[in-house]
Amino acid sequence: MTTLPVRPPYTDAELAALYPSYLELQQVQILLRHGERTPISSRFKTTGLATYWPYCEAANRFKDVVLTADGKWDIMYWRRQMETVDANNGPNPGRSSKGSVDNICEPGELTDLGRQTTLALGQRIRRLYVDQLHFLPSHLTPETQGAIYLRSTPIQRALESTQQAFTGLYPATARSANLPPQPIVKRAMWEETLFPNEGGCPRFAELARAFADRTAQLYNDSPEMRLLNQRIGKYMPKESAVVKVDSHPRLSGIMDSINATRAHGDANDTRLPSEFYEKEVVAGVDRICTEEWFVGYQESNEYRKLGIGGLVGDLTQSMVERAQQGERKADKSDEAFALSLSGCHDTTIAATLTALGGFDVRKDHWPNFTSNIAFELFRRKTGPNTPSTAPIASSNPPWWSSLFPSLTALVTSSSAKSTSSARTPLAELSPIGKSKLHDYYVRLRYNDTPVSLPYCAQPGNHLEGDETFCTLAAFKEAADSFTPKNWRQECRVGLGEPAVKSPVERPPGVVNGL
């Protein structure tokens, strides 16, 4: 299934190991992929796969703010119905696979199942950070509302998933009656960095096309693709007739249909033929598409910077700002948020992990629906028996220079500026600015499992005895290497220049067959 398998809540023993008593949790930032949805496009209709799916009861329960004649605001309740065009170009009511005109999902829409799983994710977040760790307030009031920061991409399924997760975290019974509406922050599409934004970043669009074209050269005539054609090629449209990375539909589009149908059970009318779900087919499609979309983050610092660097810079800035505030105050009224929820996409999750070295595109799998990354910021308590950071080891050139090439220049820069801005690279921070990061640690948990990052695993860059606790300084140093100074400007630099080396060779570790 492409629904995220949910593990039970942490036991007391697991909790004690994951959250040692000598570390105090300071801030949590969660990136969450939206829940289950319908396919982005209608494909494989000749196989019997329905165009309209009957899994969106929300379509009967919409409401919007309207202005009345007396200048007051009111709520209009309405339900959505779809319309299609028949063979004679005339209008016909759109009907779902069950023949109904209600509950119809639009392409790419969050389904009832997707709402359930993102609600459940919010409940799990509450269980951990409210019930077990007592990090967040149990009830939201006007005084504590600022502890929660909500953000979403402009895409509706991400917004709705954020709303569902927040509802799980703070249901109506945990919100005071006088609580103002909870803000949800959005950006205009051309400024959005909460996902790799090809539409808003022309140079990144060039890079993405180049790596996609390279993947097509690598795999279109490969044994892996021949196997896929043997199993599902007969279902391709006549105008395409063959499965390729760049066929029509593209291999990533085929994966989209496979994953959406797998997530929604065994109903025949929203199911593809059985060959699409064979183990070798699912594995082959996942393997090639994951490389196509994310290998650039492993191989190109420019790709990292323009694709996801803006978001990683935002996440790091929030942690640095929190550290600069010092010890948590009793009322927390003037502090940065304690927990953020950001509704985003599969491309956000895998891109962020890959850019930081925590995801291997040739081993790891495409993120499931509701996959999430928790960026946890800790402060070390002072006192005896408290583990410390190991001595910093030196190397010339650093081992990580190939993974973070621009980081070498930052570290060795002799023209450091005296500034304490949270966005300023570590190498340019004043001694006072750097000192404020001492005793702070960052840990990533991907789907509830701590992630070990290669840069943080080096001596001096983590809490002694646990490589998953990266020093904030080391994490910032790694993030600085691919955080753009001005994303919108840099998105227009280098247009037309080559993006990848050619000719290409099959990458190491690829096996013949699946």
Protein backbone atom coordinates (compact mmCIF):
# COMPACT_ATOMS: atom_id res chain seq x y z
CA MET A 1 0.00 0.00 0.00
CA THR A 2 1.05 3.61 -0.46
CA THR A 3 -0.65 4.61 2.78
CA LEU A 4 1.97 5.19 5.46
CA PRO A 5 2.23 2.25 7.88
CA VAL A 6 1.63 3.66 11.36
CA ARG A 7 3.71 2.44 14.26
CA PRO A 8 2.32 2.35 17.82
CA PRO A 9 3.10 5.27 20.16
CA TYR A 10 6.56 5.23 21.69
CA THR A 11 6.85 3.13 24.83
CA ASP A 12 8.24 4.67 28.01
CA ALA A 13 11.59 3.02 27.32
CA GLU A 14 11.68 4.31 23.74
CA LEU A 15 10.67 7.75 24.90
CA ALA A 16 13.46 7.87 27.48
CA ALA A 17 16.01 6.90 24.83
CA LEU A 18 14.69 9.29 22.18
CA TYR A 19 14.27 12.23 24.54
CA PRO A 20 17.04 12.01 27.17
CA SER A 21 16.49 13.98 30.35
CA TYR A 22 19.59 16.15 29.83
CA LEU A 23 18.13 17.60 26.61
CA GLU A 24 15.23 20.03 26.65
CA LEU A 25 13.02 20.21 23.57
CA GLN A 26 12.84 23.77 22.28
CA GLN A 27 11.05 23.72 18.94
CA VAL A 28 9.56 21.28 16.42
CA GLN A 29 9.00 21.93 12.72
CA ILE A 30 7.03 19.29 10.83
CA LEU A 31 6.86 18.92 7.07
CA LEU A 32 3.91 16.71 6.20
CA ARG A 33 2.99 15.30 2.84
CA HIS A 34 -0.72 15.55 2.13
CA GLY A 35 -2.97 12.54 2.56
CA GLU A 36 -4.30 10.13 -0.04
CA ARG A 37 -5.70 11.73 -3.18
CA THR A 38 -7.07 10.90 -6.60
CA PRO A 39 -4.71 10.74 -9.61
CA ILE A 40 -3.56 14.09 -10.97
CA SER A 41 -4.89 13.13 -14.42
CA SER A 42 -7.39 10.63 -15.77
CA ARG A 43 -5.40 7.76 -17.29
CA PHE A 44 -6.00 4.19 -18.47
CA LYS A 45 -9.73 4.68 -19.04
CA THR A 46 -9.61 1.82 -21.54
CA THR A 47 -8.83 -0.54 -18.66
CA GLY A 48 -12.06 0.45 -16.91
CA LEU A 49 -10.46 2.88 -14.48
CA ALA A 50 -13.11 5.48 -13.70
CA THR A 51 -12.44 9.15 -14.39
CA TYR A 52 -14.44 10.33 -11.37
CA TRP A 53 -13.98 8.69 -7.99
CA PRO A 54 -16.75 8.74 -5.33
CA TYR A 55 -14.44 9.28 -2.36
CA CYS A 56 -14.95 12.98 -1.57
CA GLU A 57 -17.91 13.49 0.73
CA ALA A 58 -16.57 16.97 1.44
CA ALA A 59 -17.96 17.95 -1.98
CA ASN A 60 -21.42 17.92 -0.36
CA ARG A 61 -20.36 20.09 2.56
CA PHE A 62 -18.57 23.14 1.17
CA LYS A 63 -19.08 26.56 2.65
CA ASP A 64 -17.73 29.98 1.72
CA VAL A 65 -17.88 33.49 3.09
CA VAL A 66 -20.25 35.79 1.17
CA LEU A 67 -21.07 39.46 1.53
CA THR A 68 -24.78 40.26 2.02
CA ALA A 69 -26.75 43.28 0.82
CA ASP A 70 -26.61 44.90 4.26
CA GLY A 71 -22.82 44.82 4.24
CA LYS A 72 -22.52 41.92 6.65
CA TRP A 73 -20.67 38.63 6.23
CA ASP A 74 -22.53 35.37 5.98
CA ILE A 75 -21.78 31.73 5.18
CA MET A 76 -23.04 30.09 1.98
CA TYR A 77 -23.31 26.31 2.17
CA TRP A 78 -23.14 24.50 -1.16
CA ARG A 79 -22.33 21.18 -2.79
CA ARG A 80 -20.30 20.55 -5.91
CA GLN A 81 -21.44 18.56 -8.92
CA MET A 82 -19.41 17.89 -12.02
CA GLU A 83 -20.40 18.19 -15.64
CA THR A 84 -18.94 16.49 -18.70
CA VAL A 85 -19.27 16.94 -22.46
CA ASP A 86 -20.75 14.11 -24.52
CA ALA A 87 -19.81 12.93 -28.02
CA ASN A 88 -22.03 15.61 -29.58
CA ASN A 89 -20.34 18.34 -27.51
CA GLY A 90 -23.38 18.67 -25.30
CA PRO A 91 -23.38 18.86 -21.47
CA ASN A 92 -23.96 15.78 -19.36
CA PRO A 93 -23.95 15.35 -15.59
CA GLY A 94 -20.66 13.96 -14.37
CA ARG A 95 -21.10 10.66 -12.58
CA SER A 96 -18.78 8.75 -10.35
CA SER A 97 -17.78 5.14 -10.82
CA LYS A 98 -20.85 4.25 -8.75
CA GLY A 99 -23.19 6.30 -10.97
CA SER A 100 -23.76 9.06 -8.41
CA VAL A 101 -23.55 12.81 -9.02
CA ASP A 102 -22.46 13.41 -5.39
CA ASN A 103 -19.20 12.78 -3.53
CA ILE A 104 -17.24 13.20 -6.78
CA CYS A 105 -13.54 13.98 -6.47
CA GLU A 106 -11.70 16.30 -8.80
CA PRO A 107 -8.28 15.26 -10.16
CA GLY A 108 -5.63 15.39 -7.45
CA GLU A 109 -8.16 16.05 -4.68
CA LEU A 110 -7.71 14.93 -1.09
CA THR A 111 -10.11 12.04 -0.54
CA ASP A 112 -12.04 11.00 2.54
CA LEU A 113 -9.25 8.53 3.28
CA GLY A 114 -6.67 11.29 2.95
CA ARG A 115 -8.60 13.37 5.46
CA GLN A 116 -8.70 10.42 7.87
CA THR A 117 -4.96 9.73 7.67
CA THR A 118 -3.90 13.36 8.10
CA LEU A 119 -6.32 13.71 11.01
CA ALA A 120 -4.72 10.60 12.53
CA LEU A 121 -1.27 12.12 11.97
CA GLY A 122 -2.32 15.17 13.97
CA GLN A 123 -3.59 12.89 16.73
CA ARG A 124 -0.22 11.09 16.84
CA ILE A 125 1.55 14.45 17.05
CA ARG A 126 -0.70 15.38 19.98
CA ARG A 127 -0.04 12.06 21.67
CA LEU A 128 3.72 12.66 21.55
CA TYR A 129 4.15 16.38 22.13
CA VAL A 130 1.16 17.05 24.39
CA ASP A 131 0.37 13.84 26.26
CA GLN A 132 3.79 12.19 26.54
CA LEU A 133 6.34 15.02 26.47
CA HIS A 134 4.12 17.84 27.77
CA PHE A 135 5.92 20.14 25.35
CA LEU A 136 2.78 21.79 23.97
CA PRO A 137 -0.19 23.18 25.91
CA SER A 138 -3.09 20.78 26.21
CA HIS A 139 -5.57 23.52 25.24
CA LEU A 140 -5.20 26.43 22.86
CA THR A 141 -6.25 29.79 24.24
CA PRO A 142 -5.68 33.30 22.89
CA GLU A 143 -2.59 33.40 25.12
CA THR A 144 -1.09 30.13 23.82
CA GLN A 145 -2.27 30.24 20.20
CA GLY A 146 1.06 31.63 19.05
CA ALA A 147 2.76 28.37 20.01
CA ILE A 148 1.41 26.82 16.80
CA TYR A 149 2.41 27.98 13.32
CA LEU A 150 0.56 26.61 10.29
CA ARG A 151 1.77 26.86 6.71
CA SER A 152 0.74 25.34 3.40
CA THR A 153 1.58 25.42 -0.26
CA PRO A 154 -1.06 27.05 -2.50
CA ILE A 155 -2.27 23.60 -3.58
CA GLN A 156 -5.62 22.74 -2.03
CA ARG A 157 -4.84 19.17 -0.90
CA ALA A 158 -1.86 20.47 1.09
CA LEU A 159 -3.99 23.15 2.74
CA GLU A 160 -6.73 20.66 3.62
CA SER A 161 -4.17 18.21 5.01
CA THR A 162 -2.75 20.97 7.21
CA GLN A 163 -6.25 21.72 8.48
CA GLN A 164 -6.91 18.05 9.18
CA ALA A 165 -3.61 17.58 11.01
CA PHE A 166 -4.26 20.68 13.11
CA THR A 167 -7.72 19.34 13.96
CA GLY A 168 -6.12 16.11 15.17
CA LEU A 169 -3.56 18.05 17.20
CA TYR A 170 -6.12 20.44 18.69
CA PRO A 171 -9.68 19.16 18.27
CA ALA A 172 -12.57 21.48 19.08
CA THR A 173 -12.62 20.24 22.66
CA ALA A 174 -9.01 21.43 23.09
CA ARG A 175 -9.65 24.96 21.80
CA SER A 176 -11.15 27.68 23.97
CA ALA A 177 -14.47 29.19 22.90
CA ASN A 178 -12.91 32.65 22.49
CA LEU A 179 -10.01 31.44 20.34
CA PRO A 180 -9.58 33.59 17.22
CA PRO A 181 -9.32 31.80 13.85
CA GLN A 182 -5.98 30.03 13.54
CA PRO A 183 -3.74 31.72 10.91
CA ILE A 184 -2.48 29.57 8.04
CA VAL A 185 0.40 31.13 6.13
CA LYS A 186 0.56 30.84 2.33
CA ARG A 187 2.71 32.34 -0.38
CA ALA A 188 2.03 33.29 -3.95
CA MET A 189 2.94 30.46 -6.30
CA TRP A 190 5.87 32.33 -7.86
CA GLU A 191 7.46 32.79 -4.39
CA GLU A 192 6.74 29.33 -3.04
CA THR A 193 9.70 27.30 -1.78
CA LEU A 194 7.75 24.74 0.26
CA PHE A 195 8.15 22.41 -2.70
CA PRO A 196 10.62 22.29 -5.62
CA ASN A 197 9.09 25.04 -7.75
CA GLU A 198 9.81 24.59 -11.45
CA GLY A 199 7.15 27.13 -12.36
CA GLY A 200 8.66 29.83 -10.17
CA CYS A 201 12.33 29.06 -10.84
CA PRO A 202 13.31 28.92 -14.55
CA ARG A 203 16.83 27.65 -13.93
CA PHE A 204 15.57 24.85 -11.69
CA ALA A 205 13.11 23.90 -14.43
CA GLU A 206 16.06 23.55 -16.80
CA LEU A 207 17.94 21.40 -14.30
CA ALA A 208 14.91 19.18 -13.67
CA ARG A 209 14.39 18.62 -17.40
CA ALA A 210 18.07 17.82 -17.87
CA PHE A 211 18.12 15.19 -15.13
CA ALA A 212 14.83 13.75 -16.39
CA ASP A 213 16.30 13.51 -19.89
CA ARG A 214 19.39 11.81 -18.49
CA THR A 215 17.24 9.29 -16.65
CA ALA A 216 15.39 8.60 -19.90
CA GLN A 217 18.71 7.93 -21.65
CA LEU A 218 19.74 5.61 -18.85
CA TYR A 219 16.57 3.56 -18.60
CA ASN A 220 14.42 3.74 -21.74
CA ASP A 221 16.28 0.79 -23.30
CA SER A 222 17.22 -0.94 -20.07
CA PRO A 223 16.29 -4.44 -18.87
CA GLU A 224 14.15 -2.79 -16.18
CA MET A 225 12.07 -0.95 -18.78
CA ARG A 226 11.77 -4.04 -20.96
CA LEU A 227 10.26 -5.87 -18.01
CA LEU A 228 7.75 -3.05 -17.47
CA ASN A 229 6.76 -3.14 -21.14
CA GLN A 230 6.27 -6.89 -20.99
CA ARG A 231 3.89 -6.56 -18.06
CA ILE A 232 1.96 -3.29 -18.61
CA GLY A 233 2.94 -2.07 -22.09
CA LYS A 234 -0.26 -3.53 -23.58
CA TYR A 235 -2.31 -1.05 -21.53
CA MET A 236 -0.56 2.04 -22.85
CA PRO A 237 -2.49 4.38 -25.20
CA LYS A 238 -2.19 3.57 -28.88
CA GLU A 239 -0.41 6.83 -29.62
CA SER A 240 2.33 5.89 -27.15
CA ALA A 241 2.25 2.07 -27.24
CA VAL A 242 5.34 1.76 -25.04
CA VAL A 243 6.41 2.48 -21.48
CA LYS A 244 9.29 4.93 -21.15
CA VAL A 245 10.52 7.49 -18.69
CA ASP A 246 9.30 10.13 -21.15
CA SER A 247 6.37 8.25 -22.72
CA HIS A 248 2.80 9.55 -22.67
CA PRO A 249 1.81 9.17 -19.95
CA ARG A 250 5.27 9.52 -18.44
CA LEU A 251 6.49 6.78 -16.16
CA SER A 252 5.94 9.14 -13.22
CA GLY A 253 2.32 9.54 -14.36
CA ILE A 254 1.92 5.77 -14.42
CA MET A 255 3.30 5.68 -10.88
CA ASP A 256 0.79 8.36 -9.89
CA SER A 257 -2.10 6.18 -11.04
CA ILE A 258 -0.63 3.07 -9.43
CA ASN A 259 -0.08 4.75 -6.08
CA ALA A 260 -3.47 6.48 -5.97
CA THR A 261 -5.34 3.27 -6.81
CA ARG A 262 -3.28 1.16 -4.41
CA ALA A 263 -4.12 3.55 -1.60
CA HIS A 264 -7.88 3.26 -2.07
CA GLY A 265 -8.42 -0.45 -1.73
CA ASP A 266 -9.76 -3.13 -4.01
CA ALA A 267 -12.83 -1.54 -5.60
CA ASN A 268 -12.86 -2.73 -9.22
CA ASP A 269 -13.95 0.63 -10.62
CA THR A 270 -10.97 2.46 -9.12
CA ARG A 271 -8.46 -0.28 -9.74
CA LEU A 272 -6.00 -0.97 -12.56
CA PRO A 273 -5.39 -4.44 -14.02
CA SER A 274 -3.50 -6.77 -11.71
CA GLU A 275 -0.23 -6.51 -13.67
CA PHE A 276 0.26 -2.93 -12.42
CA TYR A 277 0.50 -4.20 -8.84
CA GLU A 278 2.96 -7.03 -9.38
CA LYS A 279 5.92 -6.70 -7.05
CA GLU A 280 8.47 -6.33 -9.85
CA VAL A 281 6.40 -3.68 -11.61
CA VAL A 282 5.82 -1.59 -8.48
CA ALA A 283 9.49 -1.84 -7.51
CA GLY A 284 10.73 -0.98 -11.00
CA VAL A 285 8.48 2.04 -11.43
CA ASP A 286 9.32 3.33 -7.95
CA ARG A 287 13.05 2.82 -8.45
CA ILE A 288 13.32 4.66 -11.77
CA CYS A 289 10.96 7.52 -10.86
CA THR A 290 12.73 8.13 -7.55
CA GLU A 291 16.02 8.49 -9.38
CA GLU A 292 14.50 10.70 -12.07
CA TRP A 293 13.04 13.18 -9.61
CA PHE A 294 15.63 13.25 -6.82
CA VAL A 295 19.08 12.21 -8.05
CA GLY A 296 19.85 15.85 -8.83
CA TYR A 297 19.83 16.60 -5.11
CA GLN A 298 22.61 14.07 -4.62
CA GLU A 299 24.75 15.18 -7.55
CA SER A 300 24.32 18.93 -7.98
CA ASN A 301 24.67 21.70 -5.43
CA GLU A 302 22.88 24.04 -7.82
CA TYR A 303 19.98 21.59 -7.91
CA ARG A 304 19.90 21.46 -4.10
CA LYS A 305 20.08 25.23 -3.80
CA LEU A 306 17.33 26.09 -6.28
CA GLY A 307 15.11 23.07 -5.62
CA ILE A 308 14.91 22.97 -1.83
CA GLY A 309 17.56 25.32 -0.41
CA GLY A 310 15.08 28.09 0.28
CA LEU A 311 12.96 25.83 2.48
CA VAL A 312 15.95 24.37 4.34
CA GLY A 313 17.15 27.93 4.89
CA ASP A 314 13.74 28.84 6.37
CA LEU A 315 13.79 25.83 8.70
CA THR A 316 17.33 26.60 9.85
CA GLN A 317 16.58 30.27 10.36
CA SER A 318 13.68 29.42 12.67
CA MET A 319 15.91 27.18 14.77
CA VAL A 320 18.67 29.79 14.98
CA GLU A 321 16.17 32.47 15.98
CA ARG A 322 14.86 30.17 18.69
CA ALA A 323 18.39 29.55 19.98
CA GLN A 324 19.15 33.26 19.97
CA GLN A 325 16.22 33.83 22.31
CA GLY A 326 17.97 31.78 24.98
CA GLU A 327 16.18 29.85 27.71
CA ARG A 328 12.45 29.38 27.39
CA LYS A 329 10.43 31.91 29.34
CA ALA A 330 7.58 30.95 31.61
CA ASP A 331 4.87 32.74 29.64
CA LYS A 332 6.45 32.18 26.19
CA SER A 333 4.44 35.15 24.94
CA ASP A 334 7.25 36.79 23.00
CA GLU A 335 8.96 33.64 21.79
CA ALA A 336 9.05 32.01 18.38
CA PHE A 337 6.48 29.28 17.80
CA ALA A 338 6.94 25.95 19.55
CA LEU A 339 5.59 23.74 16.76
CA SER A 340 4.91 24.33 13.08
CA LEU A 341 2.93 22.19 10.66
CA SER A 342 3.63 22.73 6.97
CA GLY A 343 1.43 20.97 4.44
CA CYS A 344 3.51 20.03 1.43
CA HIS A 345 4.21 17.22 -1.04
CA ASP A 346 6.18 14.04 -1.74
CA THR A 347 8.72 16.09 -3.69
CA THR A 348 9.27 18.27 -0.61
CA ILE A 349 9.91 15.32 1.68
CA ALA A 350 12.35 13.41 -0.54
CA ALA A 351 14.12 16.57 -1.76
CA THR A 352 14.76 17.81 1.78
CA LEU A 353 16.10 14.48 2.99
CA THR A 354 18.22 13.89 -0.11
CA ALA A 355 19.77 17.35 -0.05
CA LEU A 356 20.85 16.77 3.57
CA GLY A 357 22.20 13.29 2.80
CA GLY A 358 19.45 11.37 4.61
CA PHE A 359 17.82 9.74 1.56
CA ASP A 360 19.45 7.51 -1.06
CA VAL A 361 17.59 7.67 -4.36
CA ARG A 362 18.93 4.25 -5.40
CA LYS A 363 17.82 2.49 -2.21
CA ASP A 364 14.98 4.39 -0.58
CA HIS A 365 11.39 4.47 -1.80
CA TRP A 366 9.07 7.23 -2.91
CA PRO A 367 7.48 8.83 0.21
CA ASN A 368 4.06 7.44 1.13
CA PHE A 369 1.02 9.62 1.62
CA THR A 370 1.24 11.53 4.96
CA SER A 371 5.00 10.94 5.13
CA ASN A 372 6.53 13.55 7.40
CA ILE A 373 9.78 14.93 8.74
CA ALA A 374 10.03 16.39 12.23
CA PHE A 375 12.92 18.84 12.73
CA GLU A 376 13.43 18.88 16.49
CA LEU A 377 15.57 21.50 18.22
CA PHE A 378 17.02 20.65 21.65
CA ARG A 379 18.96 22.59 24.26
CA ARG A 380 21.41 20.76 26.46
CA LYS A 381 20.91 21.29 30.15
CA THR A 382 24.03 22.15 32.11
CA GLY A 383 25.17 19.95 34.96
CA PRO A 384 27.22 16.87 35.79
CA ASN A 385 26.95 13.68 33.74
CA THR A 386 25.81 15.61 30.68
CA PRO A 387 27.28 14.30 27.41
CA SER A 388 29.21 16.86 25.44
CA THR A 389 30.17 17.47 21.87
CA ALA A 390 33.31 15.62 20.85
CA PRO A 391 36.45 17.62 19.92
CA ILE A 392 36.33 18.97 16.40
CA ALA A 393 38.53 17.02 14.03
CA SER A 394 40.27 18.85 11.19
CA SER A 395 40.87 17.65 7.65
CA ASN A 396 42.18 19.30 4.50
CA PRO A 397 40.25 19.12 2.27
CA PRO A 398 37.19 18.16 4.34
CA TRP A 399 35.71 14.73 3.66
CA TRP A 400 32.37 16.29 2.81
CA SER A 401 33.69 18.68 0.14
CA SER A 402 32.20 16.57 -2.67
CA LEU A 403 28.73 16.42 -1.08
CA PHE A 404 28.67 20.06 0.03
CA PRO A 405 31.12 21.75 -2.37
CA SER A 406 30.19 25.32 -1.54
CA LEU A 407 30.60 24.64 2.17
CA THR A 408 34.38 24.49 1.85
CA ALA A 409 34.50 28.07 0.66
CA LEU A 410 32.23 29.17 3.50
CA VAL A 411 34.34 27.52 6.18
CA THR A 412 37.66 28.81 4.86
CA SER A 413 36.45 32.32 4.11
CA SER A 414 38.76 34.97 5.57
CA SER A 415 36.33 37.81 5.11
CA ALA A 416 33.82 36.94 7.83
CA LYS A 417 31.39 39.70 8.64
CA SER A 418 30.37 40.68 12.16
CA THR A 419 26.65 40.04 12.17
CA SER A 420 24.15 37.94 14.09
CA SER A 421 21.33 37.60 11.54
CA ALA A 422 19.70 34.18 11.72
CA ARG A 423 20.07 33.86 7.94
CA THR A 424 23.76 34.78 7.91
CA PRO A 425 26.06 31.82 7.07
CA LEU A 426 27.82 30.34 10.07
CA ALA A 427 31.25 31.26 8.67
CA GLU A 428 30.24 34.94 8.70
CA LEU A 429 28.71 35.02 12.18
CA SER A 430 30.46 36.99 14.90
CA PRO A 431 31.92 35.06 17.85
CA ILE A 432 28.95 36.18 19.92
CA GLY A 433 26.54 34.98 17.24
CA LYS A 434 28.24 31.59 17.09
CA SER A 435 28.28 31.28 20.88
CA LYS A 436 24.48 31.50 20.96
CA LEU A 437 24.31 28.22 19.05
CA HIS A 438 26.34 26.31 21.64
CA ASP A 439 24.52 23.50 23.45
CA TYR A 440 21.78 23.32 20.82
CA TYR A 441 21.13 20.19 18.79
CA VAL A 442 18.97 19.27 15.81
CA ARG A 443 17.44 15.89 15.11
CA LEU A 444 15.33 14.76 12.16
CA ARG A 445 12.72 12.04 12.51
CA TYR A 446 11.42 10.73 9.20
CA ASN A 447 8.16 8.86 9.74
CA ASP A 448 9.02 8.47 13.44
CA THR A 449 12.52 7.11 12.79
CA PRO A 450 15.59 9.24 13.65
CA VAL A 451 17.77 10.07 10.64
CA SER A 452 21.56 10.04 10.69
CA LEU A 453 22.97 12.73 8.41
CA PRO A 454 26.49 12.20 7.00
CA TYR A 455 27.81 15.66 7.82
CA CYS A 456 26.49 15.50 11.36
CA ALA A 457 28.03 12.06 11.92
CA GLN A 458 31.56 13.46 11.87
CA PRO A 459 33.55 14.02 15.08
CA GLY A 460 32.63 17.28 16.76
CA ASN A 461 29.36 17.62 14.87
CA HIS A 462 27.04 15.65 17.13
CA LEU A 463 26.17 14.78 20.69
CA GLU A 464 28.65 12.25 21.96
CA GLY A 465 27.19 8.77 21.71
CA ASP A 466 24.34 9.62 19.34
CA GLU A 467 25.03 10.77 15.78
CA THR A 468 21.38 11.60 15.15
CA PHE A 469 21.69 14.66 17.43
CA CYS A 470 23.52 17.12 15.20
CA THR A 471 24.95 20.28 16.71
CA LEU A 472 22.96 23.28 15.54
CA ALA A 473 26.17 24.87 14.32
CA ALA A 474 27.05 21.84 12.18
CA PHE A 475 23.50 21.56 10.84
CA LYS A 476 23.49 25.24 9.94
CA GLU A 477 26.89 24.89 8.28
CA ALA A 478 25.58 22.08 6.07
CA ALA A 479 22.37 23.98 5.31
CA ASP A 480 24.32 27.15 4.49
CA SER A 481 26.11 25.34 1.68
CA PHE A 482 22.92 25.16 -0.39
CA THR A 483 20.77 27.99 1.00
CA PRO A 484 20.41 30.64 -1.70
CA LYS A 485 21.09 34.24 -0.72
CA ASN A 486 18.31 35.39 -3.05
CA TRP A 487 16.30 32.53 -4.49
CA ARG A 488 14.33 34.55 -7.02
CA GLN A 489 17.46 36.18 -8.42
CA GLU A 490 19.50 32.98 -8.50
CA CYS A 491 16.64 31.23 -10.30
CA ARG A 492 17.48 33.39 -13.31
CA VAL A 493 21.25 32.87 -13.27
CA GLY A 494 22.85 30.41 -15.69
CA LEU A 495 19.84 29.99 -17.95
CA GLY A 496 20.77 27.93 -20.98
CA GLU A 497 23.98 26.55 -19.49
CA PRO A 498 24.53 22.76 -19.41
CA ALA A 499 23.04 21.12 -16.34
CA VAL A 500 24.48 17.58 -16.36
CA LYS A 501 27.44 15.92 -17.95
CA SER A 502 26.95 13.96 -21.16
CA PRO A 503 27.27 11.23 -22.29
CA VAL A 504 25.91 9.36 -19.30
CA GLU A 505 26.72 6.00 -17.81
CA ARG A 506 24.57 3.70 -15.75
CA PRO A 507 25.06 4.67 -12.10
CA PRO A 508 26.83 2.27 -9.73
CA GLY A 509 24.65 -0.21 -7.93
CA VAL A 510 22.09 -0.64 -10.71
CA VAL A 511 21.38 -4.30 -11.32
CA ASN A 512 20.19 -5.95 -14.49
CA GLY A 513 16.60 -6.77 -13.89
CA LEU A 514 14.46 -6.14 -10.84
